[in-house]
């Protein structure tokens, strides 16, 4: 049986824990909330509401999607590549790299909002 321990914090890992309740995820959402001056919250509903906002939150949405993907990719690096968790800087580097790569998918109008 697979070990159910979170690779970031040693709590029991679930999807909700990984993306919202783990101290690493909580730090990420608090940081993005502060940067964008919004309350992202701790659920898919609280973050997803910005995705349905008629493109008013294009850049925020880009960062939240990159946040989810970065958490998932880093978790899998720890699991399958046997990398060790070191610091938030690694997660934030992954997030910024994704945003830079995905930015071209957004129109000039979406980037200005």
PDB file of N, CA and C in Angstrom:
ATOM      1  N   UNK A   1       0.834  -1.186   0.000  1.00  0.00           N
ATOM      2  CA  UNK A   1       0.000   0.000   0.000  1.00  0.00           C
ATOM      3  C   UNK A   1       0.875   1.245   0.000  1.00  0.00           C
ATOM      4  N   UNK A   2       0.450   2.233  -0.758  1.00  0.00           N
ATOM      5  CA  UNK A   2       1.184   3.489  -0.864  1.00  0.00           C
ATOM      6  C   UNK A   2       1.127   4.245   0.461  1.00  0.00           C
ATOM      7  N   UNK A   3       2.235   4.870   0.813  1.00  0.00           N
ATOM      8  CA  UNK A   3       2.302   5.692   2.016  1.00  0.00           C
ATOM      9  C   UNK A   3       1.463   6.951   1.795  1.00  0.00           C
ATOM     10  N   UNK A   4       0.447   7.207   2.629  1.00  0.00           N
ATOM     11  CA  UNK A   4      -0.439   8.356   2.433  1.00  0.00           C
ATOM     12  C   UNK A   4       0.087   9.666   3.014  1.00  0.00           C
ATOM     13  N   UNK A   5       1.353   9.731   3.330  1.00  0.00           N
ATOM     14  CA  UNK A   5       1.924  10.906   3.973  1.00  0.00           C
ATOM     15  C   UNK A   5       2.254  11.991   2.959  1.00  0.00           C
ATOM     16  N   UNK A   6       1.863  13.215   3.274  1.00  0.00           N
ATOM     17  CA  UNK A   6       2.179  14.368   2.419  1.00  0.00           C
ATOM     18  C   UNK A   6       3.694  14.542   2.358  1.00  0.00           C
ATOM     19  N   UNK A   7       4.206  14.736   1.171  1.00  0.00           N
ATOM     20  CA  UNK A   7       5.645  14.859   0.986  1.00  0.00           C
ATOM     21  C   UNK A   7       6.185  16.241   1.370  1.00  0.00           C
ATOM     22  N   UNK A   8       5.285  17.174   1.615  1.00  0.00           N
ATOM     23  CA  UNK A   8       5.694  18.508   2.053  1.00  0.00           C
ATOM     24  C   UNK A   8       5.700  18.643   3.573  1.00  0.00           C
ATOM     25  N   UNK A   9       4.662  18.073   4.229  1.00  0.00           N
ATOM     26  CA  UNK A   9       4.495  18.388   5.655  1.00  0.00           C
ATOM     27  C   UNK A   9       4.274  17.181   6.562  1.00  0.00           C
ATOM     28  N   UNK A  10       4.197  15.978   6.033  1.00  0.00           N
ATOM     29  CA  UNK A  10       4.043  14.735   6.789  1.00  0.00           C
ATOM     30  C   UNK A  10       2.638  14.508   7.347  1.00  0.00           C
ATOM     31  N   UNK A  11       1.660  15.331   6.987  1.00  0.00           N
ATOM     32  CA  UNK A  11       0.261  15.059   7.333  1.00  0.00           C
ATOM     33  C   UNK A  11      -0.273  14.018   6.347  1.00  0.00           C
ATOM     34  N   UNK A  12      -1.487  13.540   6.578  1.00  0.00           N
ATOM     35  CA  UNK A  12      -2.115  12.600   5.639  1.00  0.00           C
ATOM     36  C   UNK A  12      -2.439  13.353   4.346  1.00  0.00           C
ATOM     37  N   UNK A  13      -1.979  12.833   3.206  1.00  0.00           N
ATOM     38  CA  UNK A  13      -2.202  13.499   1.932  1.00  0.00           C
ATOM     39  C   UNK A  13      -3.534  13.088   1.310  1.00  0.00           C
ATOM     40  N   UNK A  14      -4.324  14.081   0.982  1.00  0.00           N
ATOM     41  CA  UNK A  14      -5.531  13.933   0.170  1.00  0.00           C
ATOM     42  C   UNK A  14      -5.434  15.025  -0.888  1.00  0.00           C
ATOM     43  N   UNK A  15      -6.323  15.003  -1.852  1.00  0.00           N
ATOM     44  CA  UNK A  15      -6.313  16.058  -2.861  1.00  0.00           C
ATOM     45  C   UNK A  15      -6.563  17.415  -2.209  1.00  0.00           C
ATOM     46  N   UNK A  16      -7.543  17.473  -1.312  1.00  0.00           N
ATOM     47  CA  UNK A  16      -7.832  18.740  -0.617  1.00  0.00           C
ATOM     48  C   UNK A  16      -6.640  19.201   0.203  1.00  0.00           C
ATOM     49  N   UNK A  17      -6.004  18.251   0.878  1.00  0.00           N
ATOM     50  CA  UNK A  17      -4.838  18.611   1.671  1.00  0.00           C
ATOM     51  C   UNK A  17      -3.732  19.164   0.773  1.00  0.00           C
ATOM     52  N   UNK A  18      -3.391  18.467  -0.282  1.00  0.00           N
ATOM     53  CA  UNK A  18      -2.300  18.875  -1.159  1.00  0.00           C
ATOM     54  C   UNK A  18      -2.517  20.273  -1.723  1.00  0.00           C
ATOM     55  N   UNK A  19      -3.715  20.548  -2.206  1.00  0.00           N
ATOM     56  CA  UNK A  19      -3.967  21.805  -2.895  1.00  0.00           C
ATOM     57  C   UNK A  19      -4.459  22.944  -2.012  1.00  0.00           C
ATOM     58  N   UNK A  20      -4.935  22.640  -0.783  1.00  0.00           N
ATOM     59  CA  UNK A  20      -5.510  23.718   0.016  1.00  0.00           C
ATOM     60  C   UNK A  20      -5.074  23.744   1.476  1.00  0.00           C
ATOM     61  N   UNK A  21      -4.909  22.605   2.127  1.00  0.00           N
ATOM     62  CA  UNK A  21      -4.693  22.596   3.571  1.00  0.00           C
ATOM     63  C   UNK A  21      -3.256  22.368   4.004  1.00  0.00           C
ATOM     64  N   UNK A  22      -2.425  21.874   3.123  1.00  0.00           N
ATOM     65  CA  UNK A  22      -1.002  21.716   3.434  1.00  0.00           C
ATOM     66  C   UNK A  22      -0.409  23.102   3.694  1.00  0.00           C
ATOM     67  N   UNK A  23       0.543  23.187   4.598  1.00  0.00           N
ATOM     68  CA  UNK A  23       1.152  24.488   4.906  1.00  0.00           C
ATOM     69  C   UNK A  23       1.783  25.115   3.664  1.00  0.00           C
ATOM     70  N   UNK A  24       2.278  24.296   2.752  1.00  0.00           N
ATOM     71  CA  UNK A  24       2.887  24.809   1.520  1.00  0.00           C
ATOM     72  C   UNK A  24       1.814  25.439   0.638  1.00  0.00           C
ATOM     73  N   UNK A  25       0.698  24.762   0.450  1.00  0.00           N
ATOM     74  CA  UNK A  25      -0.398  25.309  -0.356  1.00  0.00           C
ATOM     75  C   UNK A  25      -0.974  26.558   0.305  1.00  0.00           C
ATOM     76  N   UNK A  26      -1.164  26.525   1.601  1.00  0.00           N
ATOM     77  CA  UNK A  26      -1.700  27.693   2.304  1.00  0.00           C
ATOM     78  C   UNK A  26      -0.789  28.902   2.128  1.00  0.00           C
ATOM     79  N   UNK A  27       0.503  28.678   2.215  1.00  0.00           N
ATOM     80  CA  UNK A  27       1.445  29.784   2.012  1.00  0.00           C
ATOM     81  C   UNK A  27       1.310  30.345   0.592  1.00  0.00           C
ATOM     82  N   UNK A  28       1.227  29.458  -0.389  1.00  0.00           N
ATOM     83  CA  UNK A  28       1.103  29.884  -1.781  1.00  0.00           C
ATOM     84  C   UNK A  28      -0.146  30.724  -1.985  1.00  0.00           C
ATOM     85  N   UNK A  29      -1.307  30.261  -1.501  1.00  0.00           N
ATOM     86  CA  UNK A  29      -2.560  30.997  -1.704  1.00  0.00           C
ATOM     87  C   UNK A  29      -2.563  32.308  -0.939  1.00  0.00           C
ATOM     88  N   UNK A  30      -1.966  32.336   0.248  1.00  0.00           N
ATOM     89  CA  UNK A  30      -1.874  33.598   0.997  1.00  0.00           C
ATOM     90  C   UNK A  30      -0.974  34.592   0.277  1.00  0.00           C
ATOM     91  N   UNK A  31       0.124  34.098  -0.270  1.00  0.00           N
ATOM     92  CA  UNK A  31       1.034  34.975  -1.010  1.00  0.00           C
ATOM     93  C   UNK A  31       0.352  35.552  -2.243  1.00  0.00           C
ATOM     94  N   UNK A  32      -0.307  34.708  -3.027  1.00  0.00           N
ATOM     95  CA  UNK A  32      -1.005  35.198  -4.216  1.00  0.00           C
ATOM     96  C   UNK A  32      -2.161  36.126  -3.841  1.00  0.00           C
ATOM     97  N   UNK A  33      -2.847  35.833  -2.738  1.00  0.00           N
ATOM     98  CA  UNK A  33      -3.916  36.718  -2.272  1.00  0.00           C
ATOM     99  C   UNK A  33      -3.361  38.107  -1.953  1.00  0.00           C
ATOM    100  N   UNK A  34      -2.228  38.125  -1.303  1.00  0.00           N
ATOM    101  CA  UNK A  34      -1.606  39.405  -0.944  1.00  0.00           C
ATOM    102  C   UNK A  34      -1.135  40.159  -2.194  1.00  0.00           C
ATOM    103  N   UNK A  35      -0.492  39.471  -3.106  1.00  0.00           N
ATOM    104  CA  UNK A  35       0.017  40.105  -4.324  1.00  0.00           C
ATOM    105  C   UNK A  35      -1.122  40.708  -5.142  1.00  0.00           C
ATOM    106  N   UNK A  36      -2.224  39.974  -5.282  1.00  0.00           N
ATOM    107  CA  UNK A  36      -3.332  40.415  -6.125  1.00  0.00           C
ATOM    108  C   UNK A  36      -4.425  41.153  -5.348  1.00  0.00           C
ATOM    109  N   UNK A  37      -4.241  41.287  -4.042  1.00  0.00           N
ATOM    110  CA  UNK A  37      -5.181  41.990  -3.172  1.00  0.00           C
ATOM    111  C   UNK A  37      -6.599  41.414  -3.299  1.00  0.00           C
ATOM    112  N   UNK A  38      -6.680  40.098  -3.233  1.00  0.00           N
ATOM    113  CA  UNK A  38      -7.950  39.372  -3.237  1.00  0.00           C
ATOM    114  C   UNK A  38      -7.876  38.287  -2.168  1.00  0.00           C
ATOM    115  N   UNK A  39      -9.013  37.723  -1.822  1.00  0.00           N
ATOM    116  CA  UNK A  39      -9.036  36.596  -0.898  1.00  0.00           C
ATOM    117  C   UNK A  39      -9.289  35.334  -1.696  1.00  0.00           C
ATOM    118  N   UNK A  40      -8.248  34.537  -1.923  1.00  0.00           N
ATOM    119  CA  UNK A  40      -8.402  33.310  -2.699  1.00  0.00           C
ATOM    120  C   UNK A  40      -9.061  32.202  -1.905  1.00  0.00           C
ATOM    121  N   UNK A  41      -8.871  32.160  -0.617  1.00  0.00           N
ATOM    122  CA  UNK A  41      -9.521  31.142   0.197  1.00  0.00           C
ATOM    123  C   UNK A  41      -8.806  29.810   0.163  1.00  0.00           C
ATOM    124  N   UNK A  42      -9.536  28.777   0.585  1.00  0.00           N
ATOM    125  CA  UNK A  42      -8.929  27.459   0.707  1.00  0.00           C
ATOM    126  C   UNK A  42      -9.801  26.364   0.114  1.00  0.00           C
ATOM    127  N   UNK A  43     -10.383  26.655  -1.047  1.00  0.00           N
ATOM    128  CA  UNK A  43     -11.189  25.631  -1.724  1.00  0.00           C
ATOM    129  C   UNK A  43     -11.191  25.922  -3.221  1.00  0.00           C
ATOM    130  N   UNK A  44     -11.563  24.920  -3.974  1.00  0.00           N
ATOM    131  CA  UNK A  44     -11.672  25.094  -5.416  1.00  0.00           C
ATOM    132  C   UNK A  44     -12.750  26.119  -5.753  1.00  0.00           C
ATOM    133  N   UNK A  45     -13.827  26.129  -4.989  1.00  0.00           N
ATOM    134  CA  UNK A  45     -14.895  27.110  -5.216  1.00  0.00           C
ATOM    135  C   UNK A  45     -14.398  28.538  -5.014  1.00  0.00           C
ATOM    136  N   UNK A  46     -13.633  28.750  -3.953  1.00  0.00           N
ATOM    137  CA  UNK A  46     -13.184  30.115  -3.660  1.00  0.00           C
ATOM    138  C   UNK A  46     -12.179  30.624  -4.689  1.00  0.00           C
ATOM    139  N   UNK A  47     -11.396  29.742  -5.250  1.00  0.00           N
ATOM    140  CA  UNK A  47     -10.435  30.144  -6.289  1.00  0.00           C
ATOM    141  C   UNK A  47     -11.113  30.128  -7.655  1.00  0.00           C
ATOM    142  N   UNK A  48     -11.956  29.128  -7.894  1.00  0.00           N
ATOM    143  CA  UNK A  48     -12.619  28.978  -9.180  1.00  0.00           C
ATOM    144  C   UNK A  48     -13.573  30.104  -9.524  1.00  0.00           C
ATOM    145  N   UNK A  49     -14.102  30.806  -8.522  1.00  0.00           N
ATOM    146  CA  UNK A  49     -15.033  31.903  -8.816  1.00  0.00           C
ATOM    147  C   UNK A  49     -14.367  32.981  -9.672  1.00  0.00           C
ATOM    148  N   UNK A  50     -13.073  33.124  -9.556  1.00  0.00           N
ATOM    149  CA  UNK A  50     -12.355  34.115 -10.365  1.00  0.00           C
ATOM    150  C   UNK A  50     -12.246  33.663 -11.823  1.00  0.00           C
ATOM    151  N   UNK A  51     -12.301  32.354 -12.046  1.00  0.00           N
ATOM    152  CA  UNK A  51     -12.209  31.822 -13.408  1.00  0.00           C
ATOM    153  C   UNK A  51     -13.473  32.128 -14.208  1.00  0.00           C
ATOM    154  N   UNK A  52     -14.569  32.384 -13.520  1.00  0.00           N
ATOM    155  CA  UNK A  52     -15.852  32.617 -14.170  1.00  0.00           C
ATOM    156  C   UNK A  52     -16.198  34.106 -14.260  1.00  0.00           C
ATOM    157  N   UNK A  53     -15.218  34.955 -14.203  1.00  0.00           N
ATOM    158  CA  UNK A  53     -15.460  36.395 -14.073  1.00  0.00           C
ATOM    159  C   UNK A  53     -15.321  37.169 -15.381  1.00  0.00           C
ATOM    160  N   UNK A  54     -15.698  36.563 -16.496  1.00  0.00           N
ATOM    161  CA  UNK A  54     -15.687  37.250 -17.787  1.00  0.00           C
ATOM    162  C   UNK A  54     -14.338  37.883 -18.132  1.00  0.00           C
ATOM    163  N   UNK A  55     -13.281  37.162 -17.919  1.00  0.00           N
ATOM    164  CA  UNK A  55     -11.917  37.558 -18.290  1.00  0.00           C
ATOM    165  C   UNK A  55     -11.389  38.767 -17.522  1.00  0.00           C
ATOM    166  N   UNK A  56     -12.075  39.198 -16.479  1.00  0.00           N
ATOM    167  CA  UNK A  56     -11.588  40.337 -15.693  1.00  0.00           C
ATOM    168  C   UNK A  56     -10.366  39.973 -14.861  1.00  0.00           C
ATOM    169  N   UNK A  57     -10.158  38.722 -14.616  1.00  0.00           N
ATOM    170  CA  UNK A  57      -9.068  38.287 -13.739  1.00  0.00           C
ATOM    171  C   UNK A  57      -8.088  37.396 -14.484  1.00  0.00           C
ATOM    172  N   UNK A  58      -7.782  37.739 -15.720  1.00  0.00           N
ATOM    173  CA  UNK A  58      -6.931  36.899 -16.562  1.00  0.00           C
ATOM    174  C   UNK A  58      -5.585  36.586 -15.954  1.00  0.00           C
ATOM    175  N   UNK A  59      -4.898  37.588 -15.435  1.00  0.00           N
ATOM    176  CA  UNK A  59      -3.560  37.369 -14.868  1.00  0.00           C
ATOM    177  C   UNK A  59      -3.653  36.586 -13.563  1.00  0.00           C
ATOM    178  N   UNK A  60      -4.617  36.931 -12.714  1.00  0.00           N
ATOM    179  CA  UNK A  60      -4.825  36.168 -11.474  1.00  0.00           C
ATOM    180  C   UNK A  60      -5.100  34.713 -11.808  1.00  0.00           C
ATOM    181  N   UNK A  61      -5.952  34.468 -12.789  1.00  0.00           N
ATOM    182  CA  UNK A  61      -6.282  33.093 -13.173  1.00  0.00           C
ATOM    183  C   UNK A  61      -5.055  32.353 -13.694  1.00  0.00           C
ATOM    184  N   UNK A  62      -4.231  33.047 -14.446  1.00  0.00           N
ATOM    185  CA  UNK A  62      -2.985  32.449 -14.932  1.00  0.00           C
ATOM    186  C   UNK A  62      -2.126  32.000 -13.755  1.00  0.00           C
ATOM    187  N   UNK A  63      -1.999  32.855 -12.744  1.00  0.00           N
ATOM    188  CA  UNK A  63      -1.177  32.521 -11.579  1.00  0.00           C
ATOM    189  C   UNK A  63      -1.799  31.403 -10.740  1.00  0.00           C
ATOM    190  N   UNK A  64      -3.133  31.385 -10.589  1.00  0.00           N
ATOM    191  CA  UNK A  64      -3.731  30.312  -9.784  1.00  0.00           C
ATOM    192  C   UNK A  64      -3.616  28.967 -10.489  1.00  0.00           C
ATOM    193  N   UNK A  65      -3.824  28.952 -11.784  1.00  0.00           N
ATOM    194  CA  UNK A  65      -3.647  27.689 -12.526  1.00  0.00           C
ATOM    195  C   UNK A  65      -2.198  27.218 -12.457  1.00  0.00           C
ATOM    196  N   UNK A  66      -1.267  28.148 -12.606  1.00  0.00           N
ATOM    197  CA  UNK A  66       0.151  27.794 -12.485  1.00  0.00           C
ATOM    198  C   UNK A  66       0.461  27.324 -11.066  1.00  0.00           C
ATOM    199  N   UNK A  67      -0.234  27.875 -10.082  1.00  0.00           N
ATOM    200  CA  UNK A  67      -0.046  27.433  -8.696  1.00  0.00           C
ATOM    201  C   UNK A  67      -0.460  25.987  -8.501  1.00  0.00           C
ATOM    202  N   UNK A  68      -1.645  25.645  -9.005  1.00  0.00           N
ATOM    203  CA  UNK A  68      -2.092  24.249  -8.915  1.00  0.00           C
ATOM    204  C   UNK A  68      -1.111  23.317  -9.622  1.00  0.00           C
ATOM    205  N   UNK A  69      -0.724  23.668 -10.837  1.00  0.00           N
ATOM    206  CA  UNK A  69       0.166  22.815 -11.625  1.00  0.00           C
ATOM    207  C   UNK A  69       1.535  22.697 -10.962  1.00  0.00           C
ATOM    208  N   UNK A  70       2.036  23.789 -10.404  1.00  0.00           N
ATOM    209  CA  UNK A  70       3.340  23.777  -9.735  1.00  0.00           C
ATOM    210  C   UNK A  70       3.323  22.892  -8.495  1.00  0.00           C
ATOM    211  N   UNK A  71       2.259  22.995  -7.702  1.00  0.00           N
ATOM    212  CA  UNK A  71       2.136  22.117  -6.535  1.00  0.00           C
ATOM    213  C   UNK A  71       2.135  20.648  -6.958  1.00  0.00           C
ATOM    214  N   UNK A  72       1.369  20.337  -7.994  1.00  0.00           N
ATOM    215  CA  UNK A  72       1.268  18.957  -8.478  1.00  0.00           C
ATOM    216  C   UNK A  72       2.607  18.458  -9.014  1.00  0.00           C
ATOM    217  N   UNK A  73       3.258  19.274  -9.838  1.00  0.00           N
ATOM    218  CA  UNK A  73       4.535  18.864 -10.428  1.00  0.00           C
ATOM    219  C   UNK A  73       5.614  18.697  -9.360  1.00  0.00           C
ATOM    220  N   UNK A  74       5.675  19.618  -8.403  1.00  0.00           N
ATOM    221  CA  UNK A  74       6.684  19.509  -7.356  1.00  0.00           C
ATOM    222  C   UNK A  74       6.413  18.294  -6.477  1.00  0.00           C
ATOM    223  N   UNK A  75       5.162  18.048  -6.165  1.00  0.00           N
ATOM    224  CA  UNK A  75       4.814  16.862  -5.385  1.00  0.00           C
ATOM    225  C   UNK A  75       5.256  15.598  -6.115  1.00  0.00           C
ATOM    226  N   UNK A  76       5.024  15.547  -7.429  1.00  0.00           N
ATOM    227  CA  UNK A  76       5.433  14.376  -8.204  1.00  0.00           C
ATOM    228  C   UNK A  76       6.946  14.263  -8.321  1.00  0.00           C
ATOM    229  N   UNK A  77       7.653  15.383  -8.396  1.00  0.00           N
ATOM    230  CA  UNK A  77       9.118  15.338  -8.370  1.00  0.00           C
ATOM    231  C   UNK A  77       9.606  14.723  -7.064  1.00  0.00           C
ATOM    232  N   UNK A  78       8.971  15.099  -5.958  1.00  0.00           N
ATOM    233  CA  UNK A  78       9.360  14.550  -4.662  1.00  0.00           C
ATOM    234  C   UNK A  78       9.050  13.053  -4.592  1.00  0.00           C
ATOM    235  N   UNK A  79       7.934  12.663  -5.164  1.00  0.00           N
ATOM    236  CA  UNK A  79       7.489  11.271  -5.103  1.00  0.00           C
ATOM    237  C   UNK A  79       8.262  10.371  -6.053  1.00  0.00           C
ATOM    238  N   UNK A  80       8.330  10.755  -7.318  1.00  0.00           N
ATOM    239  CA  UNK A  80       8.847   9.850  -8.343  1.00  0.00           C
ATOM    240  C   UNK A  80      10.318  10.058  -8.686  1.00  0.00           C
ATOM    241  N   UNK A  81      10.813  11.251  -8.487  1.00  0.00           N
ATOM    242  CA  UNK A  81      12.228  11.519  -8.763  1.00  0.00           C
ATOM    243  C   UNK A  81      13.065  11.432  -7.490  1.00  0.00           C
ATOM    244  N   UNK A  82      12.394  11.204  -6.384  1.00  0.00           N
ATOM    245  CA  UNK A  82      13.054  11.092  -5.079  1.00  0.00           C
ATOM    246  C   UNK A  82      13.794  12.373  -4.684  1.00  0.00           C
ATOM    247  N   UNK A  83      13.297  13.514  -5.187  1.00  0.00           N
ATOM    248  CA  UNK A  83      13.856  14.795  -4.771  1.00  0.00           C
ATOM    249  C   UNK A  83      13.432  15.058  -3.332  1.00  0.00           C
ATOM    250  N   UNK A  84      14.143  15.914  -2.674  1.00  0.00           N
ATOM    251  CA  UNK A  84      13.841  16.274  -1.292  1.00  0.00           C
ATOM    252  C   UNK A  84      13.202  17.655  -1.250  1.00  0.00           C
ATOM    253  N   UNK A  85      12.221  17.824  -0.368  1.00  0.00           N
ATOM    254  CA  UNK A  85      11.607  19.130  -0.163  1.00  0.00           C
ATOM    255  C   UNK A  85      12.631  20.027   0.510  1.00  0.00           C
ATOM    256  N   UNK A  86      12.841  21.198  -0.080  1.00  0.00           N
ATOM    257  CA  UNK A  86      13.828  22.126   0.467  1.00  0.00           C
ATOM    258  C   UNK A  86      13.213  23.420   0.943  1.00  0.00           C
ATOM    259  N   UNK A  87      12.510  24.119   0.025  1.00  0.00           N
ATOM    260  CA  UNK A  87      11.993  25.433   0.414  1.00  0.00           C
ATOM    261  C   UNK A  87      10.931  25.917  -0.568  1.00  0.00           C
ATOM    262  N   UNK A  88      10.220  26.944  -0.159  1.00  0.00           N
ATOM    263  CA  UNK A  88       9.178  27.544  -0.989  1.00  0.00           C
ATOM    264  C   UNK A  88       9.748  28.153  -2.258  1.00  0.00           C
ATOM    265  N   UNK A  89      10.998  28.564  -2.244  1.00  0.00           N
ATOM    266  CA  UNK A  89      11.592  29.198  -3.423  1.00  0.00           C
ATOM    267  C   UNK A  89      11.510  28.277  -4.642  1.00  0.00           C
ATOM    268  N   UNK A  90      11.637  26.982  -4.445  1.00  0.00           N
ATOM    269  CA  UNK A  90      11.560  26.033  -5.559  1.00  0.00           C
ATOM    270  C   UNK A  90      10.154  26.039  -6.156  1.00  0.00           C
ATOM    271  N   UNK A  91       9.139  26.017  -5.303  1.00  0.00           N
ATOM    272  CA  UNK A  91       7.765  26.071  -5.785  1.00  0.00           C
ATOM    273  C   UNK A  91       7.502  27.386  -6.518  1.00  0.00           C
ATOM    274  N   UNK A  92       7.942  28.485  -5.945  1.00  0.00           N
ATOM    275  CA  UNK A  92       7.711  29.788  -6.564  1.00  0.00           C
ATOM    276  C   UNK A  92       8.463  29.924  -7.885  1.00  0.00           C
ATOM    277  N   UNK A  93       9.640  29.339  -7.963  1.00  0.00           N
ATOM    278  CA  UNK A  93      10.381  29.346  -9.234  1.00  0.00           C
ATOM    279  C   UNK A  93       9.601  28.587 -10.302  1.00  0.00           C
ATOM    280  N   UNK A  94       9.059  27.422  -9.940  1.00  0.00           N
ATOM    281  CA  UNK A  94       8.254  26.647 -10.889  1.00  0.00           C
ATOM    282  C   UNK A  94       7.042  27.456 -11.344  1.00  0.00           C
ATOM    283  N   UNK A  95       6.391  28.117 -10.408  1.00  0.00           N
ATOM    284  CA  UNK A  95       5.214  28.900 -10.728  1.00  0.00           C
ATOM    285  C   UNK A  95       5.563  30.038 -11.697  1.00  0.00           C
ATOM    286  N   UNK A  96       6.593  30.790 -11.404  1.00  0.00           N
ATOM    287  CA  UNK A  96       6.985  31.909 -12.267  1.00  0.00           C
ATOM    288  C   UNK A  96       7.409  31.417 -13.648  1.00  0.00           C
ATOM    289  N   UNK A  97       8.102  30.310 -13.704  1.00  0.00           N
ATOM    290  CA  UNK A  97       8.506  29.744 -15.001  1.00  0.00           C
ATOM    291  C   UNK A  97       7.294  29.374 -15.842  1.00  0.00           C
ATOM    292  N   UNK A  98       6.297  28.759 -15.205  1.00  0.00           N
ATOM    293  CA  UNK A  98       5.072  28.405 -15.922  1.00  0.00           C
ATOM    294  C   UNK A  98       4.348  29.650 -16.425  1.00  0.00           C
ATOM    295  N   UNK A  99       4.231  30.653 -15.574  1.00  0.00           N
ATOM    296  CA  UNK A  99       3.555  31.889 -15.975  1.00  0.00           C
ATOM    297  C   UNK A  99       4.262  32.501 -17.172  1.00  0.00           C
ATOM    298  N   UNK A 100       5.578  32.529 -17.155  1.00  0.00           N
ATOM    299  CA  UNK A 100       6.327  33.083 -18.289  1.00  0.00           C
ATOM    300  C   UNK A 100       6.076  32.279 -19.559  1.00  0.00           C
ATOM    301  N   UNK A 101       6.010  30.979 -19.454  1.00  0.00           N
ATOM    302  CA  UNK A 101       5.763  30.136 -20.627  1.00  0.00           C
ATOM    303  C   UNK A 101       4.325  30.234 -21.115  1.00  0.00           C
ATOM    304  N   UNK A 102       3.377  30.346 -20.204  1.00  0.00           N
ATOM    305  CA  UNK A 102       1.965  30.375 -20.568  1.00  0.00           C
ATOM    306  C   UNK A 102       1.491  31.766 -20.968  1.00  0.00           C
ATOM    307  N   UNK A 103       2.240  32.780 -20.643  1.00  0.00           N
ATOM    308  CA  UNK A 103       1.838  34.161 -20.898  1.00  0.00           C
ATOM    309  C   UNK A 103       1.483  34.393 -22.368  1.00  0.00           C
ATOM    310  N   UNK A 104       2.169  33.735 -23.274  1.00  0.00           N
ATOM    311  CA  UNK A 104       1.914  33.948 -24.696  1.00  0.00           C
ATOM    312  C   UNK A 104       0.524  33.470 -25.109  1.00  0.00           C
ATOM    313  N   UNK A 105      -0.111  32.649 -24.290  1.00  0.00           N
ATOM    314  CA  UNK A 105      -1.453  32.164 -24.583  1.00  0.00           C
ATOM    315  C   UNK A 105      -2.519  33.222 -24.316  1.00  0.00           C
ATOM    316  N   UNK A 106      -2.145  34.287 -23.619  1.00  0.00           N
ATOM    317  CA  UNK A 106      -3.078  35.351 -23.275  1.00  0.00           C
ATOM    318  C   UNK A 106      -2.957  36.494 -24.272  1.00  0.00           C
ATOM    319  N   UNK A 107      -4.104  37.030 -24.682  1.00  0.00           N
ATOM    320  CA  UNK A 107      -4.101  38.171 -25.595  1.00  0.00           C
ATOM    321  C   UNK A 107      -3.562  39.404 -24.871  1.00  0.00           C
ATOM    322  N   UNK A 108      -3.211  40.401 -25.634  1.00  0.00           N
ATOM    323  CA  UNK A 108      -2.722  41.649 -25.039  1.00  0.00           C
ATOM    324  C   UNK A 108      -3.776  42.242 -24.119  1.00  0.00           C
ATOM    325  N   UNK A 109      -5.039  42.166 -24.510  1.00  0.00           N
ATOM    326  CA  UNK A 109      -6.133  42.686 -23.694  1.00  0.00           C
ATOM    327  C   UNK A 109      -6.209  41.966 -22.347  1.00  0.00           C
ATOM    328  N   UNK A 110      -6.067  40.648 -22.363  1.00  0.00           N
ATOM    329  CA  UNK A 110      -6.118  39.874 -21.116  1.00  0.00           C
ATOM    330  C   UNK A 110      -4.922  40.186 -20.224  1.00  0.00           C
ATOM    331  N   UNK A 111      -3.793  40.490 -20.796  1.00  0.00           N
ATOM    332  CA  UNK A 111      -2.596  40.803 -19.993  1.00  0.00           C
ATOM    333  C   UNK A 111      -2.706  42.148 -19.317  1.00  0.00           C
ATOM    334  N   UNK A 112      -3.504  43.050 -19.841  1.00  0.00           N
ATOM    335  CA  UNK A 112      -3.635  44.376 -19.273  1.00  0.00           C
ATOM    336  C   UNK A 112      -4.578  44.419 -18.076  1.00  0.00           C
ATOM    337  N   UNK A 113      -5.432  43.419 -17.964  1.00  0.00           N
ATOM    338  CA  UNK A 113      -6.449  43.422 -16.894  1.00  0.00           C
ATOM    339  C   UNK A 113      -5.838  42.983 -15.599  1.00  0.00           C
TER     340      UNK A 113
END
